[in-house]
Each structure stands twice: as C-alpha cells, then as structure tokens.
N, C-alpha and C. Protein backbone atom coordinates (compact mmCIF):
# COMPACT_ATOMS: atom_id res chain seq x y z
N MET A 1 0.83 -1.19 0.00
CA MET A 1 0.00 0.00 0.00
C MET A 1 0.87 1.24 0.00
N SER A 2 0.43 2.19 -0.75
CA SER A 2 1.14 3.46 -0.75
C SER A 2 0.44 4.42 0.19
N GLY A 3 1.16 5.51 0.58
CA GLY A 3 0.62 6.45 1.54
C GLY A 3 -0.25 7.52 0.92
N GLY A 4 -0.47 7.51 -0.41
CA GLY A 4 -1.23 8.56 -1.07
C GLY A 4 -2.72 8.27 -1.04
N LEU A 5 -3.51 9.24 -1.52
CA LEU A 5 -4.95 9.06 -1.60
C LEU A 5 -5.29 8.22 -2.82
N ASN A 6 -6.21 7.35 -2.63
CA ASN A 6 -6.68 6.55 -3.76
C ASN A 6 -7.96 7.19 -4.28
N LEU A 7 -7.84 7.97 -5.35
CA LEU A 7 -9.00 8.61 -5.94
C LEU A 7 -9.26 8.00 -7.30
N SER A 8 -10.51 7.91 -7.60
CA SER A 8 -10.86 7.39 -8.92
C SER A 8 -10.51 8.44 -9.96
N PRO A 9 -10.28 8.01 -11.18
CA PRO A 9 -9.95 8.97 -12.25
C PRO A 9 -11.02 10.05 -12.42
N THR A 10 -12.26 9.73 -12.19
CA THR A 10 -13.34 10.71 -12.33
C THR A 10 -13.21 11.80 -11.27
N LYS A 11 -12.91 11.42 -10.03
CA LYS A 11 -12.75 12.41 -8.95
C LYS A 11 -11.52 13.26 -9.20
N LYS A 12 -10.44 12.66 -9.69
CA LYS A 12 -9.24 13.43 -10.00
C LYS A 12 -9.53 14.49 -11.06
N GLU A 13 -10.29 14.09 -12.10
CA GLU A 13 -10.64 15.04 -13.15
C GLU A 13 -11.50 16.16 -12.59
N GLY A 14 -12.42 15.86 -11.70
CA GLY A 14 -13.29 16.87 -11.09
C GLY A 14 -12.49 17.86 -10.26
N ILE A 15 -11.52 17.37 -9.49
CA ILE A 15 -10.68 18.24 -8.67
C ILE A 15 -9.83 19.13 -9.57
N MET A 16 -9.22 18.53 -10.60
CA MET A 16 -8.37 19.29 -11.51
C MET A 16 -9.20 20.33 -12.26
N SER A 17 -10.41 19.99 -12.65
CA SER A 17 -11.28 20.92 -13.37
C SER A 17 -11.62 22.11 -12.47
N GLY A 18 -11.92 21.85 -11.20
CA GLY A 18 -12.24 22.91 -10.25
C GLY A 18 -11.04 23.82 -10.02
N MET A 19 -9.85 23.23 -9.91
CA MET A 19 -8.64 24.03 -9.71
C MET A 19 -8.36 24.89 -10.93
N LYS A 20 -8.57 24.33 -12.13
CA LYS A 20 -8.36 25.09 -13.35
C LYS A 20 -9.32 26.28 -13.41
N ARG A 21 -10.58 26.06 -13.05
CA ARG A 21 -11.54 27.16 -13.04
C ARG A 21 -11.11 28.25 -12.06
N TRP A 22 -10.69 27.84 -10.89
CA TRP A 22 -10.27 28.81 -9.86
C TRP A 22 -9.06 29.60 -10.35
N ILE A 23 -8.08 28.92 -10.95
CA ILE A 23 -6.89 29.61 -11.46
C ILE A 23 -7.26 30.55 -12.59
N LEU A 24 -8.11 30.12 -13.52
CA LEU A 24 -8.52 30.97 -14.63
C LEU A 24 -9.31 32.18 -14.13
N LEU A 25 -10.20 32.00 -13.17
CA LEU A 25 -10.96 33.11 -12.60
C LEU A 25 -10.02 34.11 -11.91
N SER A 26 -9.08 33.60 -11.15
CA SER A 26 -8.12 34.48 -10.47
C SER A 26 -7.29 35.26 -11.48
N LEU A 27 -6.82 34.59 -12.49
CA LEU A 27 -6.03 35.24 -13.53
C LEU A 27 -6.85 36.30 -14.25
N PHE A 28 -8.10 35.99 -14.55
CA PHE A 28 -9.00 36.94 -15.19
C PHE A 28 -9.17 38.19 -14.33
N LEU A 29 -9.41 38.01 -13.04
CA LEU A 29 -9.59 39.16 -12.13
C LEU A 29 -8.32 40.00 -12.02
N VAL A 30 -7.17 39.36 -11.97
CA VAL A 30 -5.90 40.10 -11.91
C VAL A 30 -5.71 40.92 -13.18
N ILE A 31 -6.11 40.38 -14.31
CA ILE A 31 -5.92 41.08 -15.58
C ILE A 31 -6.88 42.26 -15.70
N ILE A 32 -8.15 42.10 -15.31
CA ILE A 32 -9.11 43.18 -15.52
C ILE A 32 -9.17 44.18 -14.37
N SER A 33 -8.65 43.85 -13.19
CA SER A 33 -8.75 44.77 -12.06
C SER A 33 -8.08 46.12 -12.31
N PRO A 34 -6.95 46.23 -13.02
CA PRO A 34 -6.39 47.57 -13.29
C PRO A 34 -7.29 48.46 -14.13
N LEU A 35 -8.24 47.88 -14.84
CA LEU A 35 -9.15 48.68 -15.65
C LEU A 35 -10.03 49.57 -14.79
N TRP A 36 -10.28 49.20 -13.54
CA TRP A 36 -11.11 50.01 -12.65
C TRP A 36 -10.33 51.16 -12.03
N LEU A 37 -9.02 51.09 -11.98
CA LEU A 37 -8.23 52.13 -11.34
C LEU A 37 -8.44 53.51 -11.95
N PRO A 38 -8.38 53.69 -13.27
CA PRO A 38 -8.59 55.04 -13.82
C PRO A 38 -9.97 55.59 -13.50
N LEU A 39 -10.98 54.72 -13.40
CA LEU A 39 -12.32 55.20 -13.08
C LEU A 39 -12.40 55.75 -11.67
N ASP A 40 -11.62 55.22 -10.75
CA ASP A 40 -11.66 55.63 -9.36
C ASP A 40 -10.59 56.65 -9.02
N ALA A 41 -9.58 56.84 -9.87
CA ALA A 41 -8.45 57.71 -9.54
C ALA A 41 -8.87 59.14 -9.28
N GLY A 42 -9.89 59.65 -9.96
CA GLY A 42 -10.33 61.02 -9.75
C GLY A 42 -10.85 61.27 -8.36
N SER A 43 -11.39 60.24 -7.72
CA SER A 43 -11.92 60.42 -6.37
C SER A 43 -10.83 60.34 -5.31
N GLN A 44 -9.58 60.06 -5.72
CA GLN A 44 -8.50 59.93 -4.75
C GLN A 44 -7.73 61.23 -4.55
N GLY A 45 -8.18 62.33 -5.15
CA GLY A 45 -7.46 63.59 -5.04
C GLY A 45 -7.46 64.13 -3.62
N HIS A 46 -6.61 65.14 -3.37
CA HIS A 46 -6.49 65.77 -2.06
C HIS A 46 -7.78 66.48 -1.71
N LYS A 47 -8.36 66.14 -0.60
CA LYS A 47 -9.57 66.81 -0.12
C LYS A 47 -9.24 67.46 1.21
N SER A 48 -9.05 68.76 1.19
CA SER A 48 -8.77 69.44 2.45
C SER A 48 -10.07 69.86 3.09
N LYS A 49 -10.04 70.18 4.34
CA LYS A 49 -11.23 70.55 5.08
C LYS A 49 -11.72 71.94 4.71
N HIS A 50 -10.93 72.70 3.97
CA HIS A 50 -11.33 74.06 3.66
C HIS A 50 -11.88 74.19 2.25
N GLY A 51 -12.47 73.13 1.75
CA GLY A 51 -13.23 73.29 0.52
C GLY A 51 -12.55 72.79 -0.72
N GLY A 52 -12.82 71.56 -1.07
CA GLY A 52 -12.43 71.11 -2.38
C GLY A 52 -11.17 70.30 -2.44
N ASP A 53 -10.64 70.29 -3.64
CA ASP A 53 -9.55 69.38 -3.96
C ASP A 53 -8.22 70.10 -4.13
N GLY A 54 -8.02 71.20 -3.44
CA GLY A 54 -6.77 71.92 -3.54
C GLY A 54 -6.71 72.82 -4.76
N GLN A 55 -7.86 73.05 -5.39
CA GLN A 55 -7.91 73.91 -6.56
C GLN A 55 -8.69 75.17 -6.24
N ALA A 56 -8.45 76.21 -7.03
CA ALA A 56 -9.13 77.48 -6.82
C ALA A 56 -10.62 77.30 -7.05
N ALA A 57 -11.41 77.95 -6.22
CA ALA A 57 -12.85 77.82 -6.32
C ALA A 57 -13.38 78.48 -7.59
N SER A 58 -12.76 79.57 -8.03
CA SER A 58 -13.27 80.29 -9.18
C SER A 58 -12.68 79.81 -10.50
N GLY A 59 -11.55 79.15 -10.47
CA GLY A 59 -10.88 78.75 -11.71
C GLY A 59 -11.40 77.44 -12.24
N ALA A 60 -11.14 77.21 -13.49
CA ALA A 60 -11.53 75.95 -14.10
C ALA A 60 -10.33 75.01 -14.03
N GLY A 61 -10.07 74.49 -12.83
CA GLY A 61 -8.96 73.56 -12.66
C GLY A 61 -7.63 74.25 -12.39
N THR A 62 -7.64 75.55 -12.12
CA THR A 62 -6.41 76.27 -11.84
C THR A 62 -6.01 76.02 -10.39
N ALA A 63 -4.81 75.54 -10.16
CA ALA A 63 -4.36 75.25 -8.81
C ALA A 63 -4.03 76.54 -8.07
N VAL A 64 -4.37 76.60 -6.80
CA VAL A 64 -4.04 77.74 -5.96
C VAL A 64 -2.56 77.64 -5.62
N THR A 65 -1.83 78.73 -5.81
CA THR A 65 -0.40 78.71 -5.50
C THR A 65 -0.13 79.54 -4.25
N TYR A 66 0.80 79.05 -3.47
CA TYR A 66 1.26 79.71 -2.25
C TYR A 66 2.76 79.92 -2.41
N PRO A 67 3.18 81.10 -2.89
CA PRO A 67 4.61 81.34 -3.09
C PRO A 67 5.38 81.23 -1.77
N PRO A 68 6.64 80.78 -1.83
CA PRO A 68 7.45 80.67 -0.60
C PRO A 68 7.69 82.04 0.02
N MET A 69 7.60 82.09 1.35
CA MET A 69 7.86 83.33 2.09
C MET A 69 9.28 83.30 2.63
N PRO A 70 9.87 84.48 2.88
CA PRO A 70 11.16 84.50 3.59
C PRO A 70 10.98 83.84 4.96
N GLY A 71 12.06 83.48 5.59
CA GLY A 71 12.01 82.78 6.88
C GLY A 71 11.36 83.58 8.00
N PRO A 72 11.08 82.91 9.12
CA PRO A 72 10.48 83.57 10.28
C PRO A 72 11.31 84.78 10.73
N GLY A 73 10.61 85.83 11.18
CA GLY A 73 11.27 87.03 11.68
C GLY A 73 11.62 88.04 10.60
N LYS A 74 11.39 87.70 9.33
CA LYS A 74 11.72 88.60 8.23
C LYS A 74 10.45 89.26 7.69
N LYS A 75 10.60 90.45 7.13
CA LYS A 75 9.47 91.15 6.54
C LYS A 75 9.02 90.43 5.27
N VAL A 76 7.70 90.23 5.17
CA VAL A 76 7.10 89.62 3.99
C VAL A 76 6.17 90.67 3.38
N PRO A 77 6.48 91.21 2.21
CA PRO A 77 5.64 92.25 1.62
C PRO A 77 4.25 91.74 1.25
N ILE A 78 3.26 92.60 1.50
CA ILE A 78 1.88 92.34 1.09
C ILE A 78 1.50 93.51 0.19
N GLY A 79 1.71 93.37 -1.08
CA GLY A 79 1.47 94.47 -2.00
C GLY A 79 2.44 95.61 -1.70
N ASN A 80 1.98 96.84 -1.91
CA ASN A 80 2.81 98.02 -1.67
C ASN A 80 2.51 98.70 -0.34
N ASP A 81 1.40 98.34 0.30
CA ASP A 81 0.95 99.09 1.48
C ASP A 81 1.16 98.39 2.81
N TYR A 82 1.45 97.09 2.80
CA TYR A 82 1.54 96.33 4.05
C TYR A 82 2.71 95.35 3.99
N TYR A 83 3.05 94.85 5.16
CA TYR A 83 3.97 93.72 5.27
C TYR A 83 3.62 92.94 6.52
N LEU A 84 4.07 91.72 6.59
CA LEU A 84 3.85 90.90 7.78
C LEU A 84 5.18 90.33 8.24
N ILE A 85 5.20 90.00 9.50
CA ILE A 85 6.31 89.27 10.10
C ILE A 85 5.70 88.10 10.86
N TYR A 86 6.19 86.90 10.60
CA TYR A 86 5.66 85.73 11.29
C TYR A 86 6.77 85.03 12.06
N GLY A 87 6.35 84.22 13.00
CA GLY A 87 7.30 83.44 13.78
C GLY A 87 6.56 82.39 14.59
N PHE A 88 7.30 81.72 15.45
CA PHE A 88 6.75 80.64 16.27
C PHE A 88 7.19 80.82 17.71
N ASP A 89 6.42 80.26 18.64
CA ASP A 89 6.79 80.38 20.06
C ASP A 89 8.01 79.53 20.40
N LYS A 90 8.31 78.54 19.55
CA LYS A 90 9.50 77.70 19.74
C LYS A 90 9.90 77.14 18.39
N LYS A 91 11.11 76.59 18.34
CA LYS A 91 11.58 75.97 17.11
C LYS A 91 10.62 74.83 16.74
N PRO A 92 10.23 74.73 15.46
CA PRO A 92 9.32 73.66 15.07
C PRO A 92 9.84 72.27 15.47
N LYS A 93 9.01 71.54 16.20
CA LYS A 93 9.32 70.16 16.61
C LYS A 93 8.00 69.45 16.84
N LEU A 94 8.08 68.15 17.13
CA LEU A 94 6.86 67.38 17.37
C LEU A 94 6.06 68.00 18.50
N GLY A 95 4.75 68.03 18.33
CA GLY A 95 3.87 68.61 19.34
C GLY A 95 3.18 69.85 18.77
N THR A 96 2.71 70.68 19.67
CA THR A 96 1.99 71.89 19.27
C THR A 96 2.89 73.11 19.42
N MET A 97 2.92 73.92 18.39
CA MET A 97 3.64 75.19 18.45
C MET A 97 2.64 76.28 18.06
N ILE A 98 2.89 77.48 18.51
CA ILE A 98 2.01 78.60 18.21
C ILE A 98 2.66 79.46 17.13
N MET A 99 1.92 79.65 16.04
CA MET A 99 2.40 80.55 14.99
C MET A 99 1.85 81.94 15.28
N LYS A 100 2.73 82.93 15.18
CA LYS A 100 2.35 84.32 15.44
C LYS A 100 2.58 85.12 14.16
N VAL A 101 1.58 85.89 13.77
CA VAL A 101 1.67 86.76 12.60
C VAL A 101 1.33 88.18 13.04
N GLU A 102 2.20 89.11 12.66
CA GLU A 102 1.95 90.53 12.89
C GLU A 102 1.86 91.20 11.53
N VAL A 103 0.84 92.04 11.34
CA VAL A 103 0.65 92.74 10.08
C VAL A 103 0.87 94.24 10.35
N PHE A 104 1.65 94.86 9.47
CA PHE A 104 1.98 96.27 9.62
C PHE A 104 1.65 97.04 8.35
N ALA A 105 1.25 98.31 8.52
CA ALA A 105 1.13 99.21 7.38
C ALA A 105 2.54 99.62 7.00
N LYS A 106 2.71 100.21 5.82
CA LYS A 106 4.06 100.56 5.37
C LYS A 106 4.74 101.58 6.28
N ASP A 107 3.94 102.33 7.09
CA ASP A 107 4.52 103.29 8.03
C ASP A 107 4.98 102.63 9.33
N GLY A 108 4.80 101.30 9.44
CA GLY A 108 5.27 100.57 10.61
C GLY A 108 4.24 100.36 11.71
N LYS A 109 3.03 100.88 11.56
CA LYS A 109 1.99 100.72 12.57
C LYS A 109 1.27 99.39 12.36
N LYS A 110 1.00 98.70 13.49
CA LYS A 110 0.27 97.42 13.40
C LYS A 110 -1.12 97.65 12.85
N ASP A 111 -1.55 96.71 12.03
CA ASP A 111 -2.88 96.76 11.43
C ASP A 111 -3.59 95.46 11.79
N THR A 112 -4.73 95.58 12.46
CA THR A 112 -5.47 94.39 12.89
C THR A 112 -6.78 94.23 12.13
N SER A 113 -6.87 94.84 10.95
CA SER A 113 -8.11 94.79 10.18
C SER A 113 -8.17 93.60 9.22
N PHE A 114 -7.19 92.72 9.29
CA PHE A 114 -7.12 91.58 8.39
C PHE A 114 -7.76 90.35 9.02
N GLU A 115 -8.13 89.41 8.18
CA GLU A 115 -8.46 88.07 8.63
C GLU A 115 -7.30 87.20 8.16
N VAL A 116 -6.72 86.44 9.07
CA VAL A 116 -5.56 85.62 8.75
C VAL A 116 -5.95 84.16 8.93
N LYS A 117 -5.64 83.35 7.92
CA LYS A 117 -5.97 81.92 7.95
C LYS A 117 -4.74 81.12 7.56
N ALA A 118 -4.70 79.87 8.00
CA ALA A 118 -3.59 78.99 7.62
C ALA A 118 -4.07 77.55 7.55
N ASP A 119 -3.34 76.79 6.77
CA ASP A 119 -3.54 75.36 6.61
C ASP A 119 -2.15 74.74 6.70
N SER A 120 -2.02 73.67 7.44
CA SER A 120 -0.70 73.03 7.55
C SER A 120 -0.81 71.56 7.17
N GLY A 121 0.32 71.00 6.74
CA GLY A 121 0.35 69.59 6.39
C GLY A 121 1.71 69.20 5.86
N MET A 122 1.81 67.95 5.46
CA MET A 122 3.06 67.40 4.93
C MET A 122 2.93 67.29 3.41
N PRO A 123 3.71 68.09 2.66
CA PRO A 123 3.60 68.02 1.19
C PRO A 123 3.83 66.62 0.62
N SER A 124 4.67 65.83 1.26
CA SER A 124 4.95 64.48 0.75
C SER A 124 3.80 63.52 1.00
N MET A 125 2.87 63.91 1.87
CA MET A 125 1.73 63.04 2.20
C MET A 125 0.44 63.85 2.10
N ARG A 126 0.29 64.60 1.03
CA ARG A 126 -0.84 65.51 0.84
C ARG A 126 -2.15 64.82 1.19
N GLY A 127 -2.90 65.44 2.09
CA GLY A 127 -4.19 64.91 2.50
C GLY A 127 -4.15 64.04 3.73
N ALA A 128 -3.00 63.52 4.10
CA ALA A 128 -2.92 62.60 5.25
C ALA A 128 -2.89 63.33 6.58
N HIS A 129 -2.19 64.46 6.65
CA HIS A 129 -2.06 65.18 7.92
C HIS A 129 -2.49 66.63 7.79
N GLU A 130 -3.35 66.94 6.85
CA GLU A 130 -3.79 68.31 6.63
C GLU A 130 -4.64 68.79 7.81
N SER A 131 -4.40 70.02 8.22
CA SER A 131 -5.18 70.58 9.33
C SER A 131 -6.49 71.15 8.84
N GLY A 132 -6.56 71.49 7.55
CA GLY A 132 -7.70 72.25 7.05
C GLY A 132 -7.46 73.71 7.36
N GLU A 133 -8.06 74.57 6.59
CA GLU A 133 -7.86 76.00 6.79
C GLU A 133 -8.54 76.44 8.09
N ARG A 134 -7.77 77.12 8.93
CA ARG A 134 -8.28 77.60 10.22
C ARG A 134 -7.92 79.07 10.38
N SER A 135 -8.76 79.80 11.09
CA SER A 135 -8.54 81.22 11.32
C SER A 135 -7.67 81.46 12.55
N PHE A 136 -6.79 82.43 12.44
CA PHE A 136 -5.99 82.87 13.58
C PHE A 136 -6.89 83.66 14.53
N LYS A 137 -6.53 83.66 15.81
CA LYS A 137 -7.21 84.48 16.82
C LYS A 137 -6.38 85.73 17.04
N LEU A 138 -7.04 86.86 17.21
CA LEU A 138 -6.35 88.12 17.44
C LEU A 138 -6.16 88.31 18.94
N SER A 139 -4.91 88.48 19.37
CA SER A 139 -4.61 88.67 20.79
C SER A 139 -4.82 90.14 21.18
N ASN A 140 -4.79 90.40 22.49
CA ASN A 140 -4.92 91.77 22.99
C ASN A 140 -3.76 92.65 22.53
N LYS A 141 -2.63 92.06 22.21
CA LYS A 141 -1.46 92.81 21.74
C LYS A 141 -1.51 93.09 20.24
N GLY A 142 -2.54 92.62 19.56
CA GLY A 142 -2.65 92.82 18.12
C GLY A 142 -1.88 91.80 17.30
N ASP A 143 -1.55 90.65 17.91
CA ASP A 143 -0.88 89.56 17.21
C ASP A 143 -1.92 88.53 16.80
N TYR A 144 -1.76 87.98 15.63
CA TYR A 144 -2.61 86.88 15.18
C TYR A 144 -1.93 85.58 15.60
N LEU A 145 -2.67 84.70 16.31
CA LEU A 145 -2.09 83.48 16.87
C LEU A 145 -2.88 82.26 16.42
N LEU A 146 -2.14 81.17 16.14
CA LEU A 146 -2.78 79.91 15.74
C LEU A 146 -1.92 78.74 16.19
N PRO A 147 -2.50 77.77 16.93
CA PRO A 147 -1.73 76.56 17.25
C PRO A 147 -1.58 75.67 16.01
N ILE A 148 -0.38 75.15 15.82
CA ILE A 148 -0.07 74.25 14.69
C ILE A 148 0.39 72.93 15.30
N ASP A 149 -0.27 71.83 14.93
CA ASP A 149 0.08 70.51 15.45
C ASP A 149 1.01 69.79 14.49
N ILE A 150 2.19 69.43 14.97
CA ILE A 150 3.17 68.66 14.20
C ILE A 150 3.11 67.24 14.76
N VAL A 151 2.59 66.32 13.95
CA VAL A 151 2.30 64.98 14.45
C VAL A 151 3.32 63.91 14.10
N MET A 152 4.27 64.24 13.20
CA MET A 152 5.30 63.25 12.87
C MET A 152 6.50 63.94 12.24
N PRO A 153 7.67 63.32 12.31
CA PRO A 153 8.86 63.91 11.69
C PRO A 153 8.74 63.94 10.17
N GLY A 154 9.43 64.89 9.57
CA GLY A 154 9.44 64.99 8.12
C GLY A 154 9.28 66.42 7.68
N GLY A 155 9.00 66.60 6.39
CA GLY A 155 8.82 67.92 5.82
C GLY A 155 7.39 68.42 6.02
N TRP A 156 7.27 69.66 6.49
CA TRP A 156 5.97 70.28 6.76
C TRP A 156 5.86 71.59 5.98
N GLU A 157 4.63 72.00 5.74
CA GLU A 157 4.37 73.26 5.07
C GLU A 157 3.18 73.94 5.74
N ILE A 158 3.31 75.25 5.93
CA ILE A 158 2.19 76.07 6.41
C ILE A 158 1.83 77.00 5.27
N ARG A 159 0.55 76.99 4.88
CA ARG A 159 0.05 77.84 3.81
C ARG A 159 -0.79 78.95 4.44
N LEU A 160 -0.35 80.18 4.27
CA LEU A 160 -0.93 81.34 4.93
C LEU A 160 -1.76 82.15 3.94
N SER A 161 -2.93 82.62 4.36
CA SER A 161 -3.78 83.49 3.54
C SER A 161 -4.20 84.69 4.37
N LEU A 162 -4.13 85.88 3.78
CA LEU A 162 -4.61 87.10 4.42
C LEU A 162 -5.78 87.64 3.61
N LEU A 163 -6.84 87.99 4.32
CA LEU A 163 -8.02 88.53 3.68
C LEU A 163 -8.29 89.94 4.21
N LYS A 164 -8.71 90.80 3.33
CA LYS A 164 -9.10 92.16 3.69
C LYS A 164 -10.47 92.37 3.08
N GLU A 165 -11.45 92.67 3.93
CA GLU A 165 -12.84 92.84 3.51
C GLU A 165 -13.35 91.64 2.72
N GLY A 166 -12.96 90.44 3.19
CA GLY A 166 -13.43 89.20 2.59
C GLY A 166 -12.71 88.76 1.33
N LYS A 167 -11.76 89.55 0.84
CA LYS A 167 -11.03 89.19 -0.38
C LYS A 167 -9.60 88.79 -0.03
N ILE A 168 -9.13 87.71 -0.64
CA ILE A 168 -7.75 87.27 -0.41
C ILE A 168 -6.80 88.25 -1.09
N ILE A 169 -5.90 88.82 -0.27
CA ILE A 169 -4.93 89.76 -0.84
C ILE A 169 -3.50 89.22 -0.77
N PHE A 170 -3.32 88.10 -0.06
CA PHE A 170 -1.98 87.53 0.05
C PHE A 170 -2.08 86.04 0.31
N ARG A 171 -1.16 85.31 -0.33
CA ARG A 171 -0.95 83.88 -0.04
C ARG A 171 0.54 83.64 0.01
N GLY A 172 0.96 82.83 0.95
CA GLY A 172 2.37 82.47 1.04
C GLY A 172 2.53 81.18 1.81
N SER A 173 3.69 80.54 1.64
CA SER A 173 3.93 79.28 2.33
C SER A 173 5.31 79.27 2.97
N TYR A 174 5.42 78.49 4.01
CA TYR A 174 6.69 78.30 4.69
C TYR A 174 6.88 76.80 4.88
N GLN A 175 8.01 76.26 4.40
CA GLN A 175 8.30 74.83 4.54
C GLN A 175 9.45 74.64 5.50
N PHE A 176 9.37 73.58 6.30
CA PHE A 176 10.41 73.29 7.29
C PHE A 176 10.44 71.80 7.57
N GLU A 177 11.54 71.36 8.17
CA GLU A 177 11.74 69.95 8.52
C GLU A 177 11.66 69.78 10.03
N VAL A 178 11.09 68.69 10.45
CA VAL A 178 11.05 68.33 11.88
C VAL A 178 11.75 67.00 12.04
C-alpha cells in the first residue's frame, strides 16, 4: 500500500477541473482589475477641510499657488501698502507650536483689520495630515495666533492666507523639517 490518496480517475478530473476554473478566474480578475483604477483615480485627489480638492474655487482647474515666504522674523511684503512678520513660540518640533503673525502698514503701525488663515500639512503626504484652513485668533497685543500641530517627523508646510474685507490679498507658504 502506498501512503497517497486513492481517488478514482473521475474524482481526480473533477478536482483538476475545479482548480483550473479557480486559477482561470483568479487570472482573469488580476488582468481586468487595473481597468477600474482610472475610473476611481479622480476620487482619490487631495480633499482638504477648507473646501475642495486643492484647486481654486473660481478657476476651471487652476491650482491655488502659495509662493514661498522668507524665513520667520523677516518682513514679507503684502502688496505696496503692508507687510507681515511671522514666527513661532518655539523651534518647530513634534507637538503643538504657536504661529504668530503681525501685520503692519508701510509706516510701521500694526494693522489688525485683516483676517488671517492657515492650513498646515506634509507636502509628501498631501491629504494625510492636513489641518484644514483655520482662522488665527487676534490677541490683545494685536498679534494673530494659531496653534499648529506637528504629528510626525518629516517635511511640513504652512500655507498662509490674508483677507481684507473678505477678499484674499496675500498667499504664502513656509516649509520646514522636523
């Protein structure tokens, strides 16, 4: 006697036929499954909490750009009449840091008539750690303040927007490593 299974030729054919069907079905699914990817790819775009897919609301697919700003503590021009200076309560690291923005008229006097908003996230992981656009709070000293949560090491970006009478008059970004 041998140690193998004694199957009749009919049962062997039935098992082999079932295995062939399973292999052919699996192969068929592997071949056609990439066809669904392009249909679903459009729904995988960046969806931030501040409205949409990272594109301008008024444009027909025009991406909103946030030009790089000079580093913290430096004057950032806002047109010809204003400038801002931004900074942080501590060197960017894991945890929560407070971003501070001061807006000045060209004569050097603080101006608190702006609405200041920011969105932060990791450019390399767009959509994964986005904060969504949030408004800064105005302090008694006339500083605009916003907590920024840094949740993991890597490259981060803060995208800043200034509004005057409801219209965006400035956009800028600051990138840093943690």
